[in-house]
Amino acid sequence: MGVSRQYQKGKTTGAKTQNTEFFGTDIVSTIEDGKATKYRLTMAFTVTPPVIEVTYDSGSNWIPINSGGAIPIGQLFQIDIPGIDNTDLINFRTPTTGGTTITIFRVDSLPVGE
């Protein structure tokens, strides 16, 4: 069995207002160990956001990750999203009126296949 190569890219907590990026600086995509990258999101919220969105181009375009209300309050939730290429500038937000409160929102990169 191989060693998992998981690299922390970002971590945040606290109140986030509507349409405000979760991270003050975009997460810059990298190629880990010569392999394409995926991102593992580990999150928990004290207020459930109906939608979490991701940007790969520093906020020019936003794509919903979940289908609204699918992230339960107070429970740890984990999902993998694909990396697009090594020029990605990744960030997250909620378009929900009133924003949300994050207990933990962590982004790790992993080589695809792990």
C-alpha atoms as a PDB file:
ATOM      1  CA  MET A   1       0.000   0.000   0.000  1.00  0.00           C
ATOM      2  CA  GLY A   2       1.404   3.407  -1.011  1.00  0.00           C
ATOM      3  CA  VAL A   3       1.826   6.446   1.164  1.00  0.00           C
ATOM      4  CA  SER A   4      -0.919   9.049   0.754  1.00  0.00           C
ATOM      5  CA  ARG A   5       0.513  12.437  -0.168  1.00  0.00           C
ATOM      6  CA  GLN A   6      -1.960  14.942   1.171  1.00  0.00           C
ATOM      7  CA  TYR A   7      -0.923  18.607   1.307  1.00  0.00           C
ATOM      8  CA  GLN A   8      -2.833  21.249   3.264  1.00  0.00           C
ATOM      9  CA  LYS A   9      -3.563  24.236   1.029  1.00  0.00           C
ATOM     10  CA  GLY A  10      -5.823  26.308   3.244  1.00  0.00           C
ATOM     11  CA  LYS A  11      -7.864  26.346   6.422  1.00  0.00           C
ATOM     12  CA  THR A  12     -10.377  28.867   7.739  1.00  0.00           C
ATOM     13  CA  THR A  13     -13.020  29.303  10.433  1.00  0.00           C
ATOM     14  CA  GLY A  14     -15.505  31.947  11.540  1.00  0.00           C
ATOM     15  CA  ALA A  15     -18.276  34.079  10.082  1.00  0.00           C
ATOM     16  CA  LYS A  16     -18.314  34.598   6.313  1.00  0.00           C
ATOM     17  CA  THR A  17     -20.606  37.137   4.713  1.00  0.00           C
ATOM     18  CA  GLN A  18     -22.566  36.589   1.527  1.00  0.00           C
ATOM     19  CA  ASN A  19     -20.370  36.396  -1.604  1.00  0.00           C
ATOM     20  CA  THR A  20     -17.150  36.961   0.358  1.00  0.00           C
ATOM     21  CA  GLU A  21     -14.287  34.639  -0.500  1.00  0.00           C
ATOM     22  CA  PHE A  22     -13.454  32.225   2.323  1.00  0.00           C
ATOM     23  CA  PHE A  23      -9.700  32.743   1.831  1.00  0.00           C
ATOM     24  CA  GLY A  24      -8.071  36.172   1.592  1.00  0.00           C
ATOM     25  CA  THR A  25      -5.581  34.775  -0.924  1.00  0.00           C
ATOM     26  CA  ASP A  26      -6.536  32.302  -3.645  1.00  0.00           C
ATOM     27  CA  ILE A  27      -5.243  28.759  -3.372  1.00  0.00           C
ATOM     28  CA  VAL A  28      -2.748  28.279  -6.187  1.00  0.00           C
ATOM     29  CA  SER A  29      -2.997  24.957  -7.953  1.00  0.00           C
ATOM     30  CA  THR A  30       0.108  22.799  -8.067  1.00  0.00           C
ATOM     31  CA  ILE A  31       1.090  19.479  -9.555  1.00  0.00           C
ATOM     32  CA  GLU A  32       1.916  17.159  -6.648  1.00  0.00           C
ATOM     33  CA  ASP A  33       4.425  14.372  -7.274  1.00  0.00           C
ATOM     34  CA  GLY A  34       4.047  14.794 -11.031  1.00  0.00           C
ATOM     35  CA  LYS A  35       0.366  13.813 -10.955  1.00  0.00           C
ATOM     36  CA  ALA A  36      -2.853  15.692 -11.623  1.00  0.00           C
ATOM     37  CA  THR A  37      -4.401  17.105  -8.452  1.00  0.00           C
ATOM     38  CA  LYS A  38      -7.767  16.818  -6.787  1.00  0.00           C
ATOM     39  CA  TYR A  39      -8.873  18.807  -3.761  1.00  0.00           C
ATOM     40  CA  ARG A  40     -10.366  17.297  -0.628  1.00  0.00           C
ATOM     41  CA  LEU A  41     -12.664  19.686   1.227  1.00  0.00           C
ATOM     42  CA  THR A  42     -13.291  18.964   4.900  1.00  0.00           C
ATOM     43  CA  MET A  43     -15.943  21.226   6.369  1.00  0.00           C
ATOM     44  CA  ALA A  44     -18.384  21.799   9.193  1.00  0.00           C
ATOM     45  CA  PHE A  45     -20.769  24.704   9.700  1.00  0.00           C
ATOM     46  CA  THR A  46     -22.765  26.049  12.651  1.00  0.00           C
ATOM     47  CA  VAL A  47     -25.152  27.638  10.156  1.00  0.00           C
ATOM     48  CA  THR A  48     -25.881  25.531   7.081  1.00  0.00           C
ATOM     49  CA  PRO A  49     -25.321  27.382   3.809  1.00  0.00           C
ATOM     50  CA  PRO A  50     -27.726  26.299   1.059  1.00  0.00           C
ATOM     51  CA  VAL A  51     -24.883  26.522  -1.487  1.00  0.00           C
ATOM     52  CA  ILE A  52     -21.093  26.516  -1.414  1.00  0.00           C
ATOM     53  CA  GLU A  53     -19.437  27.717  -4.610  1.00  0.00           C
ATOM     54  CA  VAL A  54     -15.915  27.266  -5.992  1.00  0.00           C
ATOM     55  CA  THR A  55     -13.968  29.444  -8.403  1.00  0.00           C
ATOM     56  CA  TYR A  56     -11.009  28.217 -10.428  1.00  0.00           C
ATOM     57  CA  ASP A  57     -10.240  31.627 -11.963  1.00  0.00           C
ATOM     58  CA  SER A  58      -9.892  33.953  -8.972  1.00  0.00           C
ATOM     59  CA  GLY A  59     -13.576  34.884  -8.783  1.00  0.00           C
ATOM     60  CA  SER A  60     -14.515  35.562 -12.404  1.00  0.00           C
ATOM     61  CA  ASN A  61     -16.800  32.496 -12.503  1.00  0.00           C
ATOM     62  CA  TRP A  62     -18.428  30.562  -9.653  1.00  0.00           C
ATOM     63  CA  ILE A  63     -19.670  26.945  -9.735  1.00  0.00           C
ATOM     64  CA  PRO A  64     -21.929  25.408  -7.037  1.00  0.00           C
ATOM     65  CA  ILE A  65     -20.420  22.411  -5.215  1.00  0.00           C
ATOM     66  CA  ASN A  66     -23.540  21.189  -3.448  1.00  0.00           C
ATOM     67  CA  SER A  67     -27.233  21.183  -4.277  1.00  0.00           C
ATOM     68  CA  GLY A  68     -28.387  23.397  -1.426  1.00  0.00           C
ATOM     69  CA  GLY A  69     -28.903  22.276   2.142  1.00  0.00           C
ATOM     70  CA  ALA A  70     -26.899  19.087   1.595  1.00  0.00           C
ATOM     71  CA  ILE A  71     -24.284  20.017   4.214  1.00  0.00           C
ATOM     72  CA  PRO A  72     -25.695  19.208   7.666  1.00  0.00           C
ATOM     73  CA  ILE A  73     -25.214  21.621  10.589  1.00  0.00           C
ATOM     74  CA  GLY A  74     -22.604  20.542  13.129  1.00  0.00           C
ATOM     75  CA  GLN A  75     -21.411  17.479  11.224  1.00  0.00           C
ATOM     76  CA  LEU A  76     -18.091  16.952   9.520  1.00  0.00           C
ATOM     77  CA  PHE A  77     -18.578  16.698   5.762  1.00  0.00           C
ATOM     78  CA  GLN A  78     -15.957  15.745   3.180  1.00  0.00           C
ATOM     79  CA  ILE A  79     -15.997  15.958  -0.610  1.00  0.00           C
ATOM     80  CA  ASP A  80     -13.399  15.766  -3.384  1.00  0.00           C
ATOM     81  CA  ILE A  81     -13.420  18.211  -6.298  1.00  0.00           C
ATOM     82  CA  PRO A  82     -11.192  18.035  -9.379  1.00  0.00           C
ATOM     83  CA  GLY A  83      -8.278  20.290 -10.120  1.00  0.00           C
ATOM     84  CA  ILE A  84      -8.507  21.696 -13.639  1.00  0.00           C
ATOM     85  CA  ASP A  85      -4.890  22.588 -14.405  1.00  0.00           C
ATOM     86  CA  ASN A  86      -1.802  24.039 -12.760  1.00  0.00           C
ATOM     87  CA  THR A  87      -2.921  27.635 -13.352  1.00  0.00           C
ATOM     88  CA  ASP A  88      -6.030  27.338 -11.169  1.00  0.00           C
ATOM     89  CA  LEU A  89      -6.641  30.115  -8.634  1.00  0.00           C
ATOM     90  CA  ILE A  90      -9.134  28.483  -6.286  1.00  0.00           C
ATOM     91  CA  ASN A  91     -11.433  30.000  -3.669  1.00  0.00           C
ATOM     92  CA  PHE A  92     -14.832  29.364  -2.101  1.00  0.00           C
ATOM     93  CA  ARG A  93     -17.868  31.384  -0.989  1.00  0.00           C
ATOM     94  CA  THR A  94     -21.550  31.131  -0.172  1.00  0.00           C
ATOM     95  CA  PRO A  95     -24.062  33.237  -2.124  1.00  0.00           C
ATOM     96  CA  THR A  96     -26.561  32.773   0.710  1.00  0.00           C
ATOM     97  CA  THR A  97     -28.160  35.916   2.137  1.00  0.00           C
ATOM     98  CA  GLY A  98     -26.757  36.332   5.643  1.00  0.00           C
ATOM     99  CA  GLY A  99     -23.648  34.251   4.896  1.00  0.00           C
ATOM    100  CA  THR A 100     -22.621  31.383   7.139  1.00  0.00           C
ATOM    101  CA  THR A 101     -20.460  30.499  10.133  1.00  0.00           C
ATOM    102  CA  ILE A 102     -17.693  27.988   9.525  1.00  0.00           C
ATOM    103  CA  THR A 103     -16.514  25.627  12.259  1.00  0.00           C
ATOM    104  CA  ILE A 104     -13.797  24.297   9.930  1.00  0.00           C
ATOM    105  CA  PHE A 105     -13.174  24.563   6.194  1.00  0.00           C
ATOM    106  CA  ARG A 106      -9.948  22.865   5.138  1.00  0.00           C
ATOM    107  CA  VAL A 107      -8.604  22.319   1.629  1.00  0.00           C
ATOM    108  CA  ASP A 108      -6.024  19.615   0.953  1.00  0.00           C
ATOM    109  CA  SER A 109      -4.536  18.637  -2.395  1.00  0.00           C
ATOM    110  CA  LEU A 110      -3.939  15.018  -3.298  1.00  0.00           C
ATOM    111  CA  PRO A 111      -2.564  13.401  -6.426  1.00  0.00           C
ATOM    112  CA  VAL A 112      -5.398  11.860  -8.444  1.00  0.00           C
ATOM    113  CA  GLY A 113      -5.711   8.161  -7.666  1.00  0.00           C
ATOM    114  CA  GLU A 114      -5.117   8.549  -3.924  1.00  0.00           C
END
